[in-house]
């Protein structure tokens, strides 16, 4: 898989997540402007720093109606991430650096 394919697939997945946000939800309603903007496919053709900032500040924490069927895979990924972080934080004597 090429870098461009990863980027395209990731943008499509994120757009689907935004498009599945219910604008009638009281949590989503105040962010409706950004939901409508990033629900459109053309909004994802070119994402710069300003757009990333908008997405992270206004949309990242909002609920979506899109159901993820692979909960076990996410739990495994989280477990592996925490293990990797523990290894990276450990010093040579087995103590965890904070």
C-alpha atoms as a PDB file:
ATOM      1  CA  UNK A   1       0.000   0.000   0.000  1.00  0.00           C
ATOM      2  CA  UNK A   2       1.415   3.376  -0.977  1.00  0.00           C
ATOM      3  CA  UNK A   3       1.497   6.499   1.174  1.00  0.00           C
ATOM      4  CA  UNK A   4      -1.134   8.086  -1.083  1.00  0.00           C
ATOM      5  CA  UNK A   5      -3.456   5.089  -0.633  1.00  0.00           C
ATOM      6  CA  UNK A   6      -3.083   5.285   3.156  1.00  0.00           C
ATOM      7  CA  UNK A   7      -3.855   8.996   3.035  1.00  0.00           C
ATOM      8  CA  UNK A   8      -6.891   8.474   0.780  1.00  0.00           C
ATOM      9  CA  UNK A   9      -8.262   5.621   2.922  1.00  0.00           C
ATOM     10  CA  UNK A  10      -7.726   7.569   6.140  1.00  0.00           C
ATOM     11  CA  UNK A  11      -9.427  10.677   4.754  1.00  0.00           C
ATOM     12  CA  UNK A  12     -12.388   8.564   3.578  1.00  0.00           C
ATOM     13  CA  UNK A  13     -12.742   6.927   6.987  1.00  0.00           C
ATOM     14  CA  UNK A  14     -12.585  10.261   8.818  1.00  0.00           C
ATOM     15  CA  UNK A  15     -15.093  11.823   6.417  1.00  0.00           C
ATOM     16  CA  UNK A  16     -17.473   8.905   7.045  1.00  0.00           C
ATOM     17  CA  UNK A  17     -17.095   9.450  10.793  1.00  0.00           C
ATOM     18  CA  UNK A  18     -17.963  13.138  10.439  1.00  0.00           C
ATOM     19  CA  UNK A  19     -20.830  12.485   8.017  1.00  0.00           C
ATOM     20  CA  UNK A  20     -22.337  10.064  10.550  1.00  0.00           C
ATOM     21  CA  UNK A  21     -22.482  12.750  13.254  1.00  0.00           C
ATOM     22  CA  UNK A  22     -26.088  13.564  14.097  1.00  0.00           C
ATOM     23  CA  UNK A  23     -26.510  17.341  13.832  1.00  0.00           C
ATOM     24  CA  UNK A  24     -29.617  17.124  16.026  1.00  0.00           C
ATOM     25  CA  UNK A  25     -27.546  15.769  18.916  1.00  0.00           C
ATOM     26  CA  UNK A  26     -27.193  18.475  21.574  1.00  0.00           C
ATOM     27  CA  UNK A  27     -23.429  17.853  21.782  1.00  0.00           C
ATOM     28  CA  UNK A  28     -22.956  18.044  18.010  1.00  0.00           C
ATOM     29  CA  UNK A  29     -25.348  20.952  17.333  1.00  0.00           C
ATOM     30  CA  UNK A  30     -22.957  23.746  18.439  1.00  0.00           C
ATOM     31  CA  UNK A  31     -20.334  22.352  16.028  1.00  0.00           C
ATOM     32  CA  UNK A  32     -22.765  21.957  13.125  1.00  0.00           C
ATOM     33  CA  UNK A  33     -20.785  24.364  10.916  1.00  0.00           C
ATOM     34  CA  UNK A  34     -17.686  22.153  11.033  1.00  0.00           C
ATOM     35  CA  UNK A  35     -19.700  18.936  10.756  1.00  0.00           C
ATOM     36  CA  UNK A  36     -21.362  20.154   7.556  1.00  0.00           C
ATOM     37  CA  UNK A  37     -18.064  21.413   6.161  1.00  0.00           C
ATOM     38  CA  UNK A  38     -16.092  18.206   6.778  1.00  0.00           C
ATOM     39  CA  UNK A  39     -18.939  15.869   5.845  1.00  0.00           C
ATOM     40  CA  UNK A  40     -18.322  16.910   2.229  1.00  0.00           C
ATOM     41  CA  UNK A  41     -15.802  14.875   0.267  1.00  0.00           C
ATOM     42  CA  UNK A  42     -14.148  17.923  -1.275  1.00  0.00           C
ATOM     43  CA  UNK A  43     -13.144  19.199   2.188  1.00  0.00           C
ATOM     44  CA  UNK A  44     -10.717  16.280   2.472  1.00  0.00           C
ATOM     45  CA  UNK A  45      -8.798  16.769  -0.770  1.00  0.00           C
ATOM     46  CA  UNK A  46      -6.284  19.106   0.829  1.00  0.00           C
ATOM     47  CA  UNK A  47      -5.838  19.142   4.603  1.00  0.00           C
ATOM     48  CA  UNK A  48      -3.295  21.570   6.011  1.00  0.00           C
ATOM     49  CA  UNK A  49      -2.335  22.604   9.531  1.00  0.00           C
ATOM     50  CA  UNK A  50      -5.317  24.946   9.875  1.00  0.00           C
ATOM     51  CA  UNK A  51      -7.749  22.170   8.949  1.00  0.00           C
ATOM     52  CA  UNK A  52      -6.081  19.700  11.308  1.00  0.00           C
ATOM     53  CA  UNK A  53      -6.424  22.256  14.097  1.00  0.00           C
ATOM     54  CA  UNK A  54     -10.123  22.764  13.280  1.00  0.00           C
ATOM     55  CA  UNK A  55     -10.760  19.040  13.171  1.00  0.00           C
ATOM     56  CA  UNK A  56      -8.999  18.360  16.457  1.00  0.00           C
ATOM     57  CA  UNK A  57     -10.565  21.298  18.307  1.00  0.00           C
ATOM     58  CA  UNK A  58     -14.108  21.089  16.980  1.00  0.00           C
ATOM     59  CA  UNK A  59     -14.842  17.547  15.807  1.00  0.00           C
ATOM     60  CA  UNK A  60     -12.501  14.956  17.294  1.00  0.00           C
ATOM     61  CA  UNK A  61     -14.417  14.493  20.557  1.00  0.00           C
ATOM     62  CA  UNK A  62     -17.912  14.503  19.068  1.00  0.00           C
ATOM     63  CA  UNK A  63     -20.022  11.335  18.982  1.00  0.00           C
ATOM     64  CA  UNK A  64     -20.689   9.627  15.684  1.00  0.00           C
ATOM     65  CA  UNK A  65     -23.451   7.213  14.723  1.00  0.00           C
ATOM     66  CA  UNK A  66     -21.021   5.095  12.704  1.00  0.00           C
ATOM     67  CA  UNK A  67     -20.742   1.704  14.377  1.00  0.00           C
ATOM     68  CA  UNK A  68     -17.306   0.121  14.565  1.00  0.00           C
ATOM     69  CA  UNK A  69     -17.613  -3.641  14.345  1.00  0.00           C
ATOM     70  CA  UNK A  70     -14.038  -4.435  15.378  1.00  0.00           C
ATOM     71  CA  UNK A  71     -13.949  -3.579  19.102  1.00  0.00           C
ATOM     72  CA  UNK A  72     -11.564  -6.442  19.933  1.00  0.00           C
ATOM     73  CA  UNK A  73      -8.969  -5.198  17.448  1.00  0.00           C
ATOM     74  CA  UNK A  74      -9.071  -1.745  19.024  1.00  0.00           C
ATOM     75  CA  UNK A  75      -8.630  -3.199  22.498  1.00  0.00           C
ATOM     76  CA  UNK A  76      -5.641  -5.202  21.263  1.00  0.00           C
ATOM     77  CA  UNK A  77      -4.141  -2.106  19.616  1.00  0.00           C
ATOM     78  CA  UNK A  78      -4.562  -0.146  22.846  1.00  0.00           C
ATOM     79  CA  UNK A  79      -2.932  -2.947  24.833  1.00  0.00           C
ATOM     80  CA  UNK A  80       0.052  -3.026  22.451  1.00  0.00           C
ATOM     81  CA  UNK A  81       0.381   0.763  22.506  1.00  0.00           C
ATOM     82  CA  UNK A  82       0.433   0.782  26.316  1.00  0.00           C
ATOM     83  CA  UNK A  83       3.025  -2.004  26.309  1.00  0.00           C
ATOM     84  CA  UNK A  84       5.235  -0.097  23.873  1.00  0.00           C
ATOM     85  CA  UNK A  85       4.920   3.060  25.961  1.00  0.00           C
ATOM     86  CA  UNK A  86       5.859   1.141  29.122  1.00  0.00           C
ATOM     87  CA  UNK A  87       8.942  -0.250  27.386  1.00  0.00           C
ATOM     88  CA  UNK A  88       9.961   3.186  26.119  1.00  0.00           C
ATOM     89  CA  UNK A  89       9.533   4.745  29.568  1.00  0.00           C
ATOM     90  CA  UNK A  90      11.484   2.052  31.401  1.00  0.00           C
ATOM     91  CA  UNK A  91      15.132   2.788  32.231  1.00  0.00           C
ATOM     92  CA  UNK A  92      17.947   0.215  32.169  1.00  0.00           C
ATOM     93  CA  UNK A  93      17.182  -0.948  35.727  1.00  0.00           C
ATOM     94  CA  UNK A  94      13.572  -1.838  35.005  1.00  0.00           C
ATOM     95  CA  UNK A  95      12.169   1.311  36.639  1.00  0.00           C
ATOM     96  CA  UNK A  96       9.621   3.363  34.778  1.00  0.00           C
ATOM     97  CA  UNK A  97      10.643   6.944  34.008  1.00  0.00           C
ATOM     98  CA  UNK A  98       7.931   9.557  34.426  1.00  0.00           C
END
